Structures are given as structure tokens and as C-alpha cells.
Amino acid sequence: MPPPEAGSKHERLEACLAQLADEDLLPVAQRFLDSDKVFIGRAERFALEDALWAAGPVVEIPGRVRRELARTVGLELLVHRPERFGWLL
């Protein structure tokens, strides 16, 4: 951790993150998202979540299961105007 006189909080944070090993980046990113002490803007939060999800395991869902789910859960429960959503499909 850089000393307080090493620059602004932003600069010290960037220096700390730059010193992290690659394998430590994902757990630190998750801790940022889980913390209520760190403010992350909306766009930055979405980008961080996308990066975490992209690095995570991929779960394949067979087409048959997707179709069964679509039949079981009606569009009216998921969207405000199901007929308009159907037109988009």
C-alpha cells in the first residue's frame, strides 16, 4: 500500500490495483461490488459485473429446456406488453 503522501486516493488505489496479480483481480472486483463502503457509478458497476460474468463458468442450457421454460413461464409475467415483445421476436 502506497503511503498517504504518494498522491490522491484515486492515484493510490490505481497503484494498489496495478500491483495485484492477475489471479487476484476477480476476487478484488467482487469485493468492490459487495462492499457498501465503496461507491461505484452505474456504468462502472455494469462494466465490472460484465467482466466478472464473462470470466465465470459458462452453463450450457439445452434448447429443449429453454423451450420448456418459455412455455411454462408466460410472457405476461415477464414483460409489460407481451404482444409487442412477441412482434420483436
PDB file of N, CA and C in Angstrom:
ATOM      1  N   MET A   1       0.847  -1.175   0.000  1.00  0.00           N
ATOM      2  CA  MET A   1       0.000   0.000   0.000  1.00  0.00           C
ATOM      3  C   MET A   1       0.894   1.240   0.000  1.00  0.00           C
ATOM      4  N   PRO A   2       0.646   2.126  -0.952  1.00  0.00           N
ATOM      5  CA  PRO A   2       1.465   3.335  -1.012  1.00  0.00           C
ATOM      6  C   PRO A   2       1.172   4.236   0.194  1.00  0.00           C
ATOM      7  N   PRO A   3       2.153   5.008   0.619  1.00  0.00           N
ATOM      8  CA  PRO A   3       1.920   5.928   1.743  1.00  0.00           C
ATOM      9  C   PRO A   3       0.950   7.036   1.344  1.00  0.00           C
ATOM     10  N   PRO A   4       0.256   7.637   2.321  1.00  0.00           N
ATOM     11  CA  PRO A   4      -0.733   8.689   2.009  1.00  0.00           C
ATOM     12  C   PRO A   4      -0.155   9.860   1.228  1.00  0.00           C
ATOM     13  N   GLU A   5       1.099  10.163   1.415  1.00  0.00           N
ATOM     14  CA  GLU A   5       1.693  11.294   0.690  1.00  0.00           C
ATOM     15  C   GLU A   5       2.062  10.943  -0.747  1.00  0.00           C
ATOM     16  N   ALA A   6       1.750   9.714  -1.175  1.00  0.00           N
ATOM     17  CA  ALA A   6       2.101   9.268  -2.524  1.00  0.00           C
ATOM     18  C   ALA A   6       1.140   9.772  -3.593  1.00  0.00           C
ATOM     19  N   GLY A   7       0.142  10.532  -3.209  1.00  0.00           N
ATOM     20  CA  GLY A   7      -0.795  11.062  -4.198  1.00  0.00           C
ATOM     21  C   GLY A   7      -2.217  11.039  -3.677  1.00  0.00           C
ATOM     22  N   SER A   8      -3.147  11.295  -4.572  1.00  0.00           N
ATOM     23  CA  SER A   8      -4.564  11.306  -4.192  1.00  0.00           C
ATOM     24  C   SER A   8      -5.046   9.877  -3.905  1.00  0.00           C
ATOM     25  N   LYS A   9      -6.243   9.762  -3.337  1.00  0.00           N
ATOM     26  CA  LYS A   9      -6.828   8.437  -3.076  1.00  0.00           C
ATOM     27  C   LYS A   9      -6.940   7.648  -4.380  1.00  0.00           C
ATOM     28  N   HIS A  10      -7.357   8.331  -5.434  1.00  0.00           N
ATOM     29  CA  HIS A  10      -7.510   7.684  -6.734  1.00  0.00           C
ATOM     30  C   HIS A  10      -6.164   7.136  -7.227  1.00  0.00           C
ATOM     31  N   GLU A  11      -5.125   7.941  -7.095  1.00  0.00           N
ATOM     32  CA  GLU A  11      -3.800   7.506  -7.552  1.00  0.00           C
ATOM     33  C   GLU A  11      -3.275   6.347  -6.705  1.00  0.00           C
ATOM     34  N   ARG A  12      -3.517   6.396  -5.389  1.00  0.00           N
ATOM     35  CA  ARG A  12      -3.066   5.297  -4.525  1.00  0.00           C
ATOM     36  C   ARG A  12      -3.832   4.014  -4.835  1.00  0.00           C
ATOM     37  N   LEU A  13      -5.142   4.141  -5.098  1.00  0.00           N
ATOM     38  CA  LEU A  13      -5.937   2.970  -5.459  1.00  0.00           C
ATOM     39  C   LEU A  13      -5.436   2.368  -6.766  1.00  0.00           C
ATOM     40  N   GLU A  14      -5.193   3.200  -7.762  1.00  0.00           N
ATOM     41  CA  GLU A  14      -4.671   2.692  -9.035  1.00  0.00           C
ATOM     42  C   GLU A  14      -3.329   1.996  -8.848  1.00  0.00           C
ATOM     43  N   ALA A  15      -2.462   2.532  -7.972  1.00  0.00           N
ATOM     44  CA  ALA A  15      -1.167   1.908  -7.714  1.00  0.00           C
ATOM     45  C   ALA A  15      -1.355   0.540  -7.061  1.00  0.00           C
ATOM     46  N   CYS A  16      -2.300   0.441  -6.131  1.00  0.00           N
ATOM     47  CA  CYS A  16      -2.575  -0.847  -5.471  1.00  0.00           C
ATOM     48  C   CYS A  16      -3.105  -1.870  -6.471  1.00  0.00           C
ATOM     49  N   LEU A  17      -4.048  -1.445  -7.303  1.00  0.00           N
ATOM     50  CA  LEU A  17      -4.624  -2.366  -8.287  1.00  0.00           C
ATOM     51  C   LEU A  17      -3.586  -2.808  -9.310  1.00  0.00           C
ATOM     52  N   ALA A  18      -2.674  -1.918  -9.666  1.00  0.00           N
ATOM     53  CA  ALA A  18      -1.635  -2.262 -10.634  1.00  0.00           C
ATOM     54  C   ALA A  18      -0.680  -3.313 -10.070  1.00  0.00           C
ATOM     55  N   GLN A  19      -0.539  -3.367  -8.754  1.00  0.00           N
ATOM     56  CA  GLN A  19       0.372  -4.325  -8.124  1.00  0.00           C
ATOM     57  C   GLN A  19      -0.262  -5.698  -7.923  1.00  0.00           C
ATOM     58  N   LEU A  20      -1.572  -5.801  -8.138  1.00  0.00           N
ATOM     59  CA  LEU A  20      -2.243  -7.095  -7.949  1.00  0.00           C
ATOM     60  C   LEU A  20      -1.841  -8.084  -9.033  1.00  0.00           C
ATOM     61  N   ALA A  21      -1.737  -9.335  -8.629  1.00  0.00           N
ATOM     62  CA  ALA A  21      -1.522 -10.410  -9.603  1.00  0.00           C
ATOM     63  C   ALA A  21      -2.826 -10.639 -10.357  1.00  0.00           C
ATOM     64  N   ASP A  22      -2.741 -11.126 -11.571  1.00  0.00           N
ATOM     65  CA  ASP A  22      -3.930 -11.343 -12.394  1.00  0.00           C
ATOM     66  C   ASP A  22      -4.975 -12.207 -11.700  1.00  0.00           C
ATOM     67  N   GLU A  23      -4.527 -13.251 -11.008  1.00  0.00           N
ATOM     68  CA  GLU A  23      -5.486 -14.157 -10.361  1.00  0.00           C
ATOM     69  C   GLU A  23      -6.191 -13.511  -9.166  1.00  0.00           C
ATOM     70  N   ASP A  24      -5.695 -12.368  -8.692  1.00  0.00           N
ATOM     71  CA  ASP A  24      -6.331 -11.678  -7.568  1.00  0.00           C
ATOM     72  C   ASP A  24      -7.342 -10.622  -8.021  1.00  0.00           C
ATOM     73  N   LEU A  25      -7.362 -10.302  -9.300  1.00  0.00           N
ATOM     74  CA  LEU A  25      -8.239  -9.226  -9.780  1.00  0.00           C
ATOM     75  C   LEU A  25      -9.725  -9.559  -9.623  1.00  0.00           C
ATOM     76  N   LEU A  26     -10.129 -10.776  -9.981  1.00  0.00           N
ATOM     77  CA  LEU A  26     -11.553 -11.130  -9.889  1.00  0.00           C
ATOM     78  C   LEU A  26     -12.074 -11.106  -8.456  1.00  0.00           C
ATOM     79  N   PRO A  27     -11.366 -11.692  -7.480  1.00  0.00           N
ATOM     80  CA  PRO A  27     -11.870 -11.595  -6.103  1.00  0.00           C
ATOM     81  C   PRO A  27     -11.935 -10.155  -5.586  1.00  0.00           C
ATOM     82  N   VAL A  28     -10.976  -9.331  -5.967  1.00  0.00           N
ATOM     83  CA  VAL A  28     -10.998  -7.929  -5.534  1.00  0.00           C
ATOM     84  C   VAL A  28     -12.179  -7.201  -6.190  1.00  0.00           C
ATOM     85  N   ALA A  29     -12.416  -7.456  -7.453  1.00  0.00           N
ATOM     86  CA  ALA A  29     -13.555  -6.839  -8.138  1.00  0.00           C
ATOM     87  C   ALA A  29     -14.866  -7.243  -7.464  1.00  0.00           C
ATOM     88  N   GLN A  30     -14.984  -8.514  -7.096  1.00  0.00           N
ATOM     89  CA  GLN A  30     -16.198  -8.976  -6.411  1.00  0.00           C
ATOM     90  C   GLN A  30     -16.345  -8.293  -5.057  1.00  0.00           C
ATOM     91  N   ARG A  31     -15.236  -8.094  -4.349  1.00  0.00           N
ATOM     92  CA  ARG A  31     -15.300  -7.411  -3.061  1.00  0.00           C
ATOM     93  C   ARG A  31     -15.737  -5.965  -3.227  1.00  0.00           C
ATOM     94  N   PHE A  32     -15.302  -5.304  -4.300  1.00  0.00           N
ATOM     95  CA  PHE A  32     -15.766  -3.939  -4.577  1.00  0.00           C
ATOM     96  C   PHE A  32     -17.281  -3.924  -4.759  1.00  0.00           C
ATOM     97  N   LEU A  33     -17.789  -4.866  -5.533  1.00  0.00           N
ATOM     98  CA  LEU A  33     -19.227  -4.917  -5.791  1.00  0.00           C
ATOM     99  C   LEU A  33     -20.012  -5.237  -4.530  1.00  0.00           C
ATOM    100  N   ASP A  34     -19.465  -6.077  -3.661  1.00  0.00           N
ATOM    101  CA  ASP A  34     -20.166  -6.491  -2.446  1.00  0.00           C
ATOM    102  C   ASP A  34     -20.107  -5.454  -1.339  1.00  0.00           C
ATOM    103  N   SER A  35     -19.163  -4.534  -1.425  1.00  0.00           N
ATOM    104  CA  SER A  35     -18.949  -3.570  -0.348  1.00  0.00           C
ATOM    105  C   SER A  35     -19.956  -2.426  -0.408  1.00  0.00           C
ATOM    106  N   ASP A  36     -20.436  -2.032   0.756  1.00  0.00           N
ATOM    107  CA  ASP A  36     -21.297  -0.846   0.813  1.00  0.00           C
ATOM    108  C   ASP A  36     -20.477   0.398   1.154  1.00  0.00           C
ATOM    109  N   LYS A  37     -19.167   0.236   1.324  1.00  0.00           N
ATOM    110  CA  LYS A  37     -18.279   1.355   1.643  1.00  0.00           C
ATOM    111  C   LYS A  37     -17.649   1.967   0.396  1.00  0.00           C
ATOM    112  N   VAL A  38     -17.800   1.295  -0.729  1.00  0.00           N
ATOM    113  CA  VAL A  38     -17.201   1.762  -1.980  1.00  0.00           C
ATOM    114  C   VAL A  38     -18.323   2.165  -2.930  1.00  0.00           C
ATOM    115  N   PHE A  39     -18.283   3.418  -3.388  1.00  0.00           N
ATOM    116  CA  PHE A  39     -19.270   3.855  -4.366  1.00  0.00           C
ATOM    117  C   PHE A  39     -18.737   3.574  -5.762  1.00  0.00           C
ATOM    118  N   ILE A  40     -19.537   2.877  -6.531  1.00  0.00           N
ATOM    119  CA  ILE A  40     -19.198   2.602  -7.925  1.00  0.00           C
ATOM    120  C   ILE A  40     -20.348   3.124  -8.765  1.00  0.00           C
ATOM    121  N   GLY A  41     -20.038   3.968  -9.728  1.00  0.00           N
ATOM    122  CA  GLY A  41     -21.066   4.513 -10.605  1.00  0.00           C
ATOM    123  C   GLY A  41     -21.771   3.407 -11.378  1.00  0.00           C
ATOM    124  N   ARG A  42     -22.931   3.740 -11.884  1.00  0.00           N
ATOM    125  CA  ARG A  42     -23.773   2.757 -12.579  1.00  0.00           C
ATOM    126  C   ARG A  42     -23.053   2.108 -13.761  1.00  0.00           C
ATOM    127  N   ALA A  43     -22.467   2.921 -14.625  1.00  0.00           N
ATOM    128  CA  ALA A  43     -21.790   2.386 -15.816  1.00  0.00           C
ATOM    129  C   ALA A  43     -20.591   1.529 -15.412  1.00  0.00           C
ATOM    130  N   GLU A  44     -19.831   1.997 -14.418  1.00  0.00           N
ATOM    131  CA  GLU A  44     -18.671   1.234 -13.956  1.00  0.00           C
ATOM    132  C   GLU A  44     -19.095  -0.078 -13.317  1.00  0.00           C
ATOM    133  N   ARG A  45     -20.197  -0.032 -12.528  1.00  0.00           N
ATOM    134  CA  ARG A  45     -20.712  -1.254 -11.892  1.00  0.00           C
ATOM    135  C   ARG A  45     -21.119  -2.277 -12.956  1.00  0.00           C
ATOM    136  N   PHE A  46     -21.837  -1.818 -13.978  1.00  0.00           N
ATOM    137  CA  PHE A  46     -22.261  -2.725 -15.044  1.00  0.00           C
ATOM    138  C   PHE A  46     -21.049  -3.322 -15.762  1.00  0.00           C
ATOM    139  N   ALA A  47     -20.045  -2.492 -16.048  1.00  0.00           N
ATOM    140  CA  ALA A  47     -18.843  -2.976 -16.732  1.00  0.00           C
ATOM    141  C   ALA A  47     -18.104  -3.995 -15.867  1.00  0.00           C
ATOM    142  N   LEU A  48     -18.032  -3.732 -14.564  1.00  0.00           N
ATOM    143  CA  LEU A  48     -17.363  -4.659 -13.654  1.00  0.00           C
ATOM    144  C   LEU A  48     -18.129  -5.973 -13.545  1.00  0.00           C
ATOM    145  N   GLU A  49     -19.452  -5.886 -13.456  1.00  0.00           N
ATOM    146  CA  GLU A  49     -20.272  -7.104 -13.425  1.00  0.00           C
ATOM    147  C   GLU A  49     -20.118  -7.901 -14.713  1.00  0.00           C
ATOM    148  N   ASP A  50     -20.126  -7.223 -15.855  1.00  0.00           N
ATOM    149  CA  ASP A  50     -19.952  -7.906 -17.136  1.00  0.00           C
ATOM    150  C   ASP A  50     -18.616  -8.630 -17.195  1.00  0.00           C
ATOM    151  N   ALA A  51     -17.564  -7.969 -16.698  1.00  0.00           N
ATOM    152  CA  ALA A  51     -16.235  -8.597 -16.705  1.00  0.00           C
ATOM    153  C   ALA A  51     -16.211  -9.827 -15.806  1.00  0.00           C
ATOM    154  N   LEU A  52     -16.831  -9.723 -14.643  1.00  0.00           N
ATOM    155  CA  LEU A  52     -16.880 -10.870 -13.728  1.00  0.00           C
ATOM    156  C   LEU A  52     -17.658 -12.024 -14.345  1.00  0.00           C
ATOM    157  N   TRP A  53     -18.808 -11.710 -14.937  1.00  0.00           N
ATOM    158  CA  TRP A  53     -19.632 -12.769 -15.536  1.00  0.00           C
ATOM    159  C   TRP A  53     -18.935 -13.400 -16.732  1.00  0.00           C
ATOM    160  N   ALA A  54     -18.223 -12.593 -17.511  1.00  0.00           N
ATOM    161  CA  ALA A  54     -17.512 -13.125 -18.677  1.00  0.00           C
ATOM    162  C   ALA A  54     -16.387 -14.069 -18.247  1.00  0.00           C
ATOM    163  N   ALA A  55     -15.800 -13.802 -17.103  1.00  0.00           N
ATOM    164  CA  ALA A  55     -14.694 -14.637 -16.626  1.00  0.00           C
ATOM    165  C   ALA A  55     -15.182 -15.877 -15.882  1.00  0.00           C
ATOM    166  N   GLY A  56     -16.464 -15.906 -15.553  1.00  0.00           N
ATOM    167  CA  GLY A  56     -17.005 -17.026 -14.787  1.00  0.00           C
ATOM    168  C   GLY A  56     -17.303 -18.237 -15.650  1.00  0.00           C
ATOM    169  N   PRO A  57     -17.742 -19.297 -14.997  1.00  0.00           N
ATOM    170  CA  PRO A  57     -18.062 -20.520 -15.743  1.00  0.00           C
ATOM    171  C   PRO A  57     -19.298 -20.328 -16.625  1.00  0.00           C
ATOM    172  N   VAL A  58     -19.319 -21.029 -17.733  1.00  0.00           N
ATOM    173  CA  VAL A  58     -20.436 -20.974 -18.666  1.00  0.00           C
ATOM    174  C   VAL A  58     -21.316 -22.200 -18.439  1.00  0.00           C
ATOM    175  N   VAL A  59     -22.577 -21.961 -18.216  1.00  0.00           N
ATOM    176  CA  VAL A  59     -23.521 -23.061 -18.018  1.00  0.00           C
ATOM    177  C   VAL A  59     -24.353 -23.192 -19.291  1.00  0.00           C
ATOM    178  N   GLU A  60     -24.212 -24.312 -19.952  1.00  0.00           N
ATOM    179  CA  GLU A  60     -24.968 -24.551 -21.179  1.00  0.00           C
ATOM    180  C   GLU A  60     -26.375 -25.029 -20.813  1.00  0.00           C
ATOM    181  N   ILE A  61     -27.378 -24.389 -21.393  1.00  0.00           N
ATOM    182  CA  ILE A  61     -28.762 -24.795 -21.184  1.00  0.00           C
ATOM    183  C   ILE A  61     -29.287 -25.309 -22.520  1.00  0.00           C
ATOM    184  N   PRO A  62     -29.618 -26.593 -22.586  1.00  0.00           N
ATOM    185  CA  PRO A  62     -30.087 -27.167 -23.844  1.00  0.00           C
ATOM    186  C   PRO A  62     -31.341 -26.459 -24.359  1.00  0.00           C
ATOM    187  N   GLY A  63     -31.485 -26.457 -25.674  1.00  0.00           N
ATOM    188  CA  GLY A  63     -32.633 -25.810 -26.310  1.00  0.00           C
ATOM    189  C   GLY A  63     -33.963 -26.347 -25.815  1.00  0.00           C
ATOM    190  N   ARG A  64     -34.041 -27.645 -25.591  1.00  0.00           N
ATOM    191  CA  ARG A  64     -35.291 -28.247 -25.110  1.00  0.00           C
ATOM    192  C   ARG A  64     -35.687 -27.648 -23.764  1.00  0.00           C
ATOM    193  N   VAL A  65     -34.729 -27.471 -22.873  1.00  0.00           N
ATOM    194  CA  VAL A  65     -35.010 -26.899 -21.552  1.00  0.00           C
ATOM    195  C   VAL A  65     -35.442 -25.442 -21.691  1.00  0.00           C
ATOM    196  N   ARG A  66     -34.777 -24.680 -22.568  1.00  0.00           N
ATOM    197  CA  ARG A  66     -35.166 -23.281 -22.786  1.00  0.00           C
ATOM    198  C   ARG A  66     -36.599 -23.185 -23.299  1.00  0.00           C
ATOM    199  N   ARG A  67     -36.951 -24.081 -24.238  1.00  0.00           N
ATOM    200  CA  ARG A  67     -38.319 -24.048 -24.777  1.00  0.00           C
ATOM    201  C   ARG A  67     -39.345 -24.409 -23.705  1.00  0.00           C
ATOM    202  N   GLU A  68     -39.029 -25.402 -22.877  1.00  0.00           N
ATOM    203  CA  GLU A  68     -39.945 -25.784 -21.798  1.00  0.00           C
ATOM    204  C   GLU A  68     -40.134 -24.640 -20.800  1.00  0.00           C
ATOM    205  N   LEU A  69     -39.051 -23.956 -20.479  1.00  0.00           N
ATOM    206  CA  LEU A  69     -39.151 -22.807 -19.589  1.00  0.00           C
ATOM    207  C   LEU A  69     -40.004 -21.707 -20.203  1.00  0.00           C
ATOM    208  N   ALA A  70     -39.806 -21.456 -21.489  1.00  0.00           N
ATOM    209  CA  ALA A  70     -40.581 -20.418 -22.172  1.00  0.00           C
ATOM    210  C   ALA A  70     -42.063 -20.756 -22.168  1.00  0.00           C
ATOM    211  N   ARG A  71     -42.398 -22.031 -22.319  1.00  0.00           N
ATOM    212  CA  ARG A  71     -43.812 -22.429 -22.284  1.00  0.00           C
ATOM    213  C   ARG A  71     -44.387 -22.324 -20.876  1.00  0.00           C
ATOM    214  N   THR A  72     -43.574 -22.678 -19.886  1.00  0.00           N
ATOM    215  CA  THR A  72     -44.043 -22.704 -18.502  1.00  0.00           C
ATOM    216  C   THR A  72     -44.239 -21.302 -17.944  1.00  0.00           C
ATOM    217  N   VAL A  73     -43.286 -20.411 -18.215  1.00  0.00           N
ATOM    218  CA  VAL A  73     -43.363 -19.042 -17.707  1.00  0.00           C
ATOM    219  C   VAL A  73     -43.962 -18.181 -18.809  1.00  0.00           C
ATOM    220  N   GLY A  74     -45.152 -17.701 -18.594  1.00  0.00           N
ATOM    221  CA  GLY A  74     -45.821 -16.893 -19.612  1.00  0.00           C
ATOM    222  C   GLY A  74     -45.167 -15.538 -19.792  1.00  0.00           C
ATOM    223  N   LEU A  75     -45.205 -15.027 -21.014  1.00  0.00           N
ATOM    224  CA  LEU A  75     -44.634 -13.710 -21.296  1.00  0.00           C
ATOM    225  C   LEU A  75     -45.293 -12.611 -20.479  1.00  0.00           C
ATOM    226  N   GLU A  76     -46.556 -12.771 -20.156  1.00  0.00           N
ATOM    227  CA  GLU A  76     -47.247 -11.727 -19.405  1.00  0.00           C
ATOM    228  C   GLU A  76     -46.644 -11.524 -18.019  1.00  0.00           C
ATOM    229  N   LEU A  77     -45.929 -12.515 -17.509  1.00  0.00           N
ATOM    230  CA  LEU A  77     -45.255 -12.361 -16.223  1.00  0.00           C
ATOM    231  C   LEU A  77     -43.924 -11.640 -16.344  1.00  0.00           C
ATOM    232  N   LEU A  78     -43.349 -11.658 -17.535  1.00  0.00           N
ATOM    233  CA  LEU A  78     -42.016 -11.099 -17.717  1.00  0.00           C
ATOM    234  C   LEU A  78     -41.998  -9.718 -18.350  1.00  0.00           C
ATOM    235  N   VAL A  79     -42.957  -9.413 -19.177  1.00  0.00           N
ATOM    236  CA  VAL A  79     -42.956  -8.143 -19.896  1.00  0.00           C
ATOM    237  C   VAL A  79     -44.291  -7.441 -19.719  1.00  0.00           C
ATOM    238  N   HIS A  80     -44.256  -6.116 -19.860  1.00  0.00           N
ATOM    239  CA  HIS A  80     -45.453  -5.309 -19.663  1.00  0.00           C
ATOM    240  C   HIS A  80     -46.474  -5.511 -20.785  1.00  0.00           C
ATOM    241  N   ARG A  81     -46.002  -5.566 -22.023  1.00  0.00           N
ATOM    242  CA  ARG A  81     -46.885  -5.756 -23.173  1.00  0.00           C
ATOM    243  C   ARG A  81     -46.387  -6.949 -23.992  1.00  0.00           C
ATOM    244  N   PRO A  82     -46.852  -8.153 -23.658  1.00  0.00           N
ATOM    245  CA  PRO A  82     -46.334  -9.353 -24.316  1.00  0.00           C
ATOM    246  C   PRO A  82     -46.545  -9.377 -25.824  1.00  0.00           C
ATOM    247  N   GLU A  83     -47.634  -8.783 -26.314  1.00  0.00           N
ATOM    248  CA  GLU A  83     -47.870  -8.805 -27.768  1.00  0.00           C
ATOM    249  C   GLU A  83     -46.803  -8.016 -28.512  1.00  0.00           C
ATOM    250  N   ARG A  84     -46.368  -6.904 -27.943  1.00  0.00           N
ATOM    251  CA  ARG A  84     -45.297  -6.113 -28.582  1.00  0.00           C
ATOM    252  C   ARG A  84     -43.979  -6.867 -28.547  1.00  0.00           C
ATOM    253  N   PHE A  85     -43.710  -7.533 -27.429  1.00  0.00           N
ATOM    254  CA  PHE A  85     -42.493  -8.311 -27.317  1.00  0.00           C
ATOM    255  C   PHE A  85     -42.508  -9.450 -28.333  1.00  0.00           C
ATOM    256  N   GLY A  86     -43.650 -10.081 -28.506  1.00  0.00           N
ATOM    257  CA  GLY A  86     -43.788 -11.149 -29.498  1.00  0.00           C
ATOM    258  C   GLY A  86     -43.513 -10.652 -30.901  1.00  0.00           C
ATOM    259  N   TRP A  87     -43.947  -9.433 -31.197  1.00  0.00           N
ATOM    260  CA  TRP A  87     -43.686  -8.876 -32.529  1.00  0.00           C
ATOM    261  C   TRP A  87     -42.184  -8.709 -32.762  1.00  0.00           C
ATOM    262  N   LEU A  88     -41.434  -8.363 -31.703  1.00  0.00           N
ATOM    263  CA  LEU A  88     -39.996  -8.201 -31.841  1.00  0.00           C
ATOM    264  C   LEU A  88     -39.297  -9.504 -32.139  1.00  0.00           C
ATOM    265  N   LEU A  89     -39.859 -10.595 -31.622  1.00  0.00           N
ATOM    266  CA  LEU A  89     -39.242 -11.885 -31.842  1.00  0.00           C
ATOM    267  C   LEU A  89     -39.454 -12.316 -33.282  1.00  0.00           C
TER     268      LEU A  89
END
